[in-house]
N, C-alpha and C. Protein backbone atom coordinates (compact mmCIF):
# COMPACT_ATOMS: atom_id res chain seq x y z
N MET A 1 23.24 6.93 -15.18
CA MET A 1 22.64 6.64 -13.90
C MET A 1 21.26 7.29 -13.78
N ARG A 2 21.17 8.54 -14.23
CA ARG A 2 19.87 9.22 -14.11
C ARG A 2 18.80 8.54 -14.94
N SER A 3 19.17 8.02 -16.09
CA SER A 3 18.20 7.30 -16.92
C SER A 3 17.69 6.06 -16.19
N SER A 4 18.58 5.36 -15.52
CA SER A 4 18.18 4.17 -14.75
C SER A 4 17.26 4.58 -13.60
N ILE A 5 17.59 5.66 -12.92
CA ILE A 5 16.74 6.15 -11.83
C ILE A 5 15.37 6.53 -12.37
N ASP A 6 15.33 7.20 -13.53
CA ASP A 6 14.05 7.56 -14.14
C ASP A 6 13.22 6.33 -14.47
N ASN A 7 13.87 5.28 -14.96
CA ASN A 7 13.17 4.04 -15.28
C ASN A 7 12.61 3.38 -14.03
N ILE A 8 13.39 3.39 -12.96
CA ILE A 8 12.93 2.82 -11.70
C ILE A 8 11.75 3.62 -11.16
N ASP A 9 11.83 4.95 -11.23
CA ASP A 9 10.71 5.78 -10.78
C ASP A 9 9.45 5.47 -11.58
N ALA A 10 9.59 5.31 -12.88
CA ALA A 10 8.43 4.97 -13.72
C ALA A 10 7.85 3.62 -13.32
N ALA A 11 8.73 2.66 -13.07
CA ALA A 11 8.26 1.33 -12.64
C ALA A 11 7.52 1.42 -11.31
N LEU A 12 8.03 2.22 -10.38
CA LEU A 12 7.36 2.39 -9.10
C LEU A 12 5.96 2.97 -9.28
N VAL A 13 5.83 3.95 -10.14
CA VAL A 13 4.52 4.56 -10.39
C VAL A 13 3.57 3.52 -10.97
N HIS A 14 4.04 2.73 -11.92
CA HIS A 14 3.18 1.71 -12.52
C HIS A 14 2.79 0.64 -11.50
N LEU A 15 3.73 0.25 -10.65
CA LEU A 15 3.42 -0.73 -9.61
C LEU A 15 2.41 -0.19 -8.62
N LEU A 16 2.57 1.06 -8.23
CA LEU A 16 1.60 1.66 -7.31
C LEU A 16 0.22 1.75 -7.96
N ALA A 17 0.18 2.09 -9.23
CA ALA A 17 -1.11 2.15 -9.94
C ALA A 17 -1.79 0.79 -9.93
N GLU A 18 -1.04 -0.27 -10.19
CA GLU A 18 -1.61 -1.62 -10.16
C GLU A 18 -2.07 -1.99 -8.76
N ARG A 19 -1.27 -1.62 -7.77
CA ARG A 19 -1.65 -1.92 -6.38
C ARG A 19 -2.96 -1.24 -6.02
N PHE A 20 -3.10 0.02 -6.40
CA PHE A 20 -4.31 0.75 -6.07
C PHE A 20 -5.52 0.24 -6.86
N LYS A 21 -5.31 -0.27 -8.06
CA LYS A 21 -6.42 -0.90 -8.78
C LYS A 21 -6.95 -2.09 -7.98
N CYS A 22 -6.03 -2.88 -7.44
CA CYS A 22 -6.42 -4.05 -6.63
C CYS A 22 -7.12 -3.60 -5.35
N THR A 23 -6.56 -2.60 -4.68
CA THR A 23 -7.17 -2.19 -3.42
C THR A 23 -8.52 -1.50 -3.64
N GLN A 24 -8.72 -0.91 -4.81
CA GLN A 24 -10.05 -0.35 -5.12
C GLN A 24 -11.07 -1.47 -5.20
N ARG A 25 -10.68 -2.59 -5.83
CA ARG A 25 -11.59 -3.74 -5.90
C ARG A 25 -11.89 -4.27 -4.50
N VAL A 26 -10.88 -4.32 -3.66
CA VAL A 26 -11.08 -4.75 -2.27
C VAL A 26 -12.03 -3.79 -1.57
N GLY A 27 -11.85 -2.50 -1.80
CA GLY A 27 -12.73 -1.50 -1.19
C GLY A 27 -14.18 -1.69 -1.59
N ARG A 28 -14.41 -2.00 -2.86
CA ARG A 28 -15.79 -2.25 -3.32
C ARG A 28 -16.36 -3.50 -2.65
N LEU A 29 -15.54 -4.54 -2.52
CA LEU A 29 -16.00 -5.76 -1.84
C LEU A 29 -16.31 -5.48 -0.37
N LYS A 30 -15.44 -4.71 0.28
CA LYS A 30 -15.69 -4.37 1.68
C LYS A 30 -16.99 -3.58 1.83
N ALA A 31 -17.22 -2.65 0.93
CA ALA A 31 -18.45 -1.85 0.99
C ALA A 31 -19.67 -2.74 0.76
N THR A 32 -19.58 -3.64 -0.21
CA THR A 32 -20.69 -4.53 -0.53
C THR A 32 -21.04 -5.43 0.65
N HIS A 33 -20.01 -5.89 1.35
CA HIS A 33 -20.22 -6.83 2.46
C HIS A 33 -20.18 -6.16 3.83
N ASP A 34 -20.27 -4.84 3.81
CA ASP A 34 -20.32 -4.04 5.04
C ASP A 34 -19.16 -4.37 5.99
N LEU A 35 -17.96 -4.45 5.43
CA LEU A 35 -16.75 -4.69 6.22
C LEU A 35 -16.05 -3.36 6.48
N PRO A 36 -15.30 -3.26 7.56
CA PRO A 36 -14.63 -2.00 7.86
C PRO A 36 -13.54 -1.67 6.82
N ALA A 37 -13.31 -0.38 6.63
CA ALA A 37 -12.29 0.07 5.66
C ALA A 37 -10.90 -0.34 6.10
N SER A 38 -10.69 -0.42 7.39
CA SER A 38 -9.36 -0.72 7.94
C SER A 38 -9.35 -2.11 8.57
N ASP A 39 -8.20 -2.77 8.46
CA ASP A 39 -7.99 -4.07 9.09
C ASP A 39 -6.66 -3.99 9.85
N PRO A 40 -6.70 -3.46 11.08
CA PRO A 40 -5.45 -3.21 11.83
C PRO A 40 -4.56 -4.44 12.00
N ASP A 41 -5.14 -5.62 12.16
CA ASP A 41 -4.32 -6.82 12.32
C ASP A 41 -3.52 -7.11 11.05
N ARG A 42 -4.20 -7.07 9.89
CA ARG A 42 -3.50 -7.29 8.62
C ARG A 42 -2.47 -6.20 8.38
N GLU A 43 -2.83 -4.96 8.68
CA GLU A 43 -1.90 -3.86 8.46
C GLU A 43 -0.64 -4.05 9.28
N ALA A 44 -0.78 -4.47 10.52
CA ALA A 44 0.39 -4.70 11.38
C ALA A 44 1.25 -5.84 10.83
N ARG A 45 0.59 -6.90 10.36
CA ARG A 45 1.34 -8.02 9.77
C ARG A 45 2.11 -7.57 8.52
N GLN A 46 1.44 -6.77 7.70
CA GLN A 46 2.09 -6.29 6.48
C GLN A 46 3.28 -5.39 6.80
N ILE A 47 3.11 -4.52 7.76
CA ILE A 47 4.22 -3.64 8.15
C ILE A 47 5.40 -4.47 8.64
N GLU A 48 5.13 -5.45 9.47
CA GLU A 48 6.21 -6.30 9.98
C GLU A 48 6.87 -7.07 8.84
N ARG A 49 6.07 -7.57 7.91
CA ARG A 49 6.61 -8.31 6.76
C ARG A 49 7.49 -7.40 5.91
N LEU A 50 7.03 -6.18 5.66
CA LEU A 50 7.81 -5.24 4.84
C LEU A 50 9.07 -4.78 5.56
N ARG A 51 9.00 -4.62 6.86
CA ARG A 51 10.21 -4.28 7.63
C ARG A 51 11.25 -5.39 7.49
N SER A 52 10.81 -6.63 7.55
CA SER A 52 11.71 -7.76 7.41
C SER A 52 12.31 -7.81 6.00
N LEU A 53 11.47 -7.61 4.99
CA LEU A 53 11.97 -7.57 3.62
C LEU A 53 12.97 -6.43 3.43
N ALA A 54 12.70 -5.31 4.06
CA ALA A 54 13.61 -4.17 3.95
C ALA A 54 14.99 -4.54 4.52
N VAL A 55 15.00 -5.17 5.69
CA VAL A 55 16.27 -5.58 6.29
C VAL A 55 17.02 -6.51 5.34
N GLU A 56 16.30 -7.49 4.78
CA GLU A 56 16.92 -8.44 3.84
C GLU A 56 17.47 -7.72 2.61
N SER A 57 16.85 -6.62 2.23
CA SER A 57 17.23 -5.88 1.02
C SER A 57 18.18 -4.73 1.30
N ASP A 58 18.63 -4.62 2.53
CA ASP A 58 19.53 -3.54 2.94
C ASP A 58 18.88 -2.17 2.75
N LEU A 59 17.61 -2.09 3.11
CA LEU A 59 16.85 -0.84 3.08
C LEU A 59 16.45 -0.52 4.52
N ASP A 60 16.46 0.72 4.87
CA ASP A 60 16.09 1.15 6.22
C ASP A 60 14.67 0.69 6.53
N PRO A 61 14.47 -0.20 7.51
CA PRO A 61 13.13 -0.69 7.82
C PRO A 61 12.19 0.41 8.30
N ALA A 62 12.72 1.44 8.94
CA ALA A 62 11.86 2.55 9.37
C ALA A 62 11.31 3.28 8.14
N PHE A 63 12.14 3.44 7.12
CA PHE A 63 11.67 4.06 5.87
C PHE A 63 10.59 3.19 5.22
N ALA A 64 10.84 1.89 5.17
CA ALA A 64 9.86 0.97 4.57
C ALA A 64 8.53 1.06 5.31
N GLU A 65 8.59 1.14 6.64
CA GLU A 65 7.36 1.25 7.43
C GLU A 65 6.64 2.57 7.14
N LYS A 66 7.37 3.66 7.08
CA LYS A 66 6.74 4.95 6.77
C LYS A 66 6.08 4.92 5.40
N PHE A 67 6.77 4.34 4.44
CA PHE A 67 6.24 4.26 3.08
C PHE A 67 4.97 3.42 3.04
N LEU A 68 5.00 2.24 3.66
CA LEU A 68 3.82 1.38 3.67
C LEU A 68 2.68 2.02 4.45
N THR A 69 2.98 2.67 5.54
CA THR A 69 1.94 3.34 6.34
C THR A 69 1.27 4.43 5.51
N PHE A 70 2.05 5.16 4.74
CA PHE A 70 1.49 6.18 3.85
C PHE A 70 0.53 5.54 2.85
N ILE A 71 0.94 4.42 2.26
CA ILE A 71 0.09 3.73 1.29
C ILE A 71 -1.17 3.20 1.96
N ILE A 72 -1.03 2.58 3.11
CA ILE A 72 -2.19 2.04 3.84
C ILE A 72 -3.18 3.15 4.17
N ASP A 73 -2.67 4.27 4.64
CA ASP A 73 -3.56 5.40 4.96
C ASP A 73 -4.34 5.85 3.73
N GLU A 74 -3.67 5.88 2.59
CA GLU A 74 -4.34 6.28 1.35
C GLU A 74 -5.39 5.25 0.94
N VAL A 75 -5.07 3.97 1.08
CA VAL A 75 -6.02 2.91 0.76
C VAL A 75 -7.26 3.02 1.64
N ILE A 76 -7.06 3.24 2.93
CA ILE A 76 -8.19 3.37 3.85
C ILE A 76 -9.05 4.57 3.45
N ARG A 77 -8.41 5.67 3.08
CA ARG A 77 -9.15 6.85 2.62
C ARG A 77 -9.99 6.50 1.40
N HIS A 78 -9.42 5.75 0.47
CA HIS A 78 -10.16 5.32 -0.72
C HIS A 78 -11.34 4.42 -0.34
N HIS A 79 -11.09 3.48 0.58
CA HIS A 79 -12.16 2.56 0.99
C HIS A 79 -13.31 3.33 1.66
N GLU A 80 -12.96 4.31 2.46
CA GLU A 80 -14.01 5.12 3.09
C GLU A 80 -14.79 5.92 2.05
N ALA A 81 -14.11 6.42 1.04
CA ALA A 81 -14.78 7.16 -0.03
C ALA A 81 -15.71 6.25 -0.83
N ILE A 82 -15.26 5.02 -1.09
CA ILE A 82 -16.10 4.06 -1.82
C ILE A 82 -17.36 3.79 -1.01
N ARG A 83 -17.21 3.57 0.29
CA ARG A 83 -18.36 3.30 1.16
C ARG A 83 -19.34 4.47 1.16
N SER A 84 -18.82 5.68 1.11
CA SER A 84 -19.66 6.88 1.17
C SER A 84 -20.37 7.19 -0.15
N ALA A 85 -19.86 6.62 -1.23
CA ALA A 85 -20.40 6.94 -2.56
C ALA A 85 -21.78 6.35 -2.78
């Protein structure tokens, strides 16, 4: 069981790395086109979508929201850093 958990953890890290590579590209585009680092409407839609997926997957939707909010906050921080560079 622990080996399977370790494999899942590794997959999560790789998926997050890929996600952040994509959001870094988005951050550069936003900076180039003078767009805001945050998009509250999209963020709200994504949170609602992930909460729904969590329910379908028998995962606590509050946990899914906290997790996505943490990721979104980090992405916004990256986008602000890109703009400042």
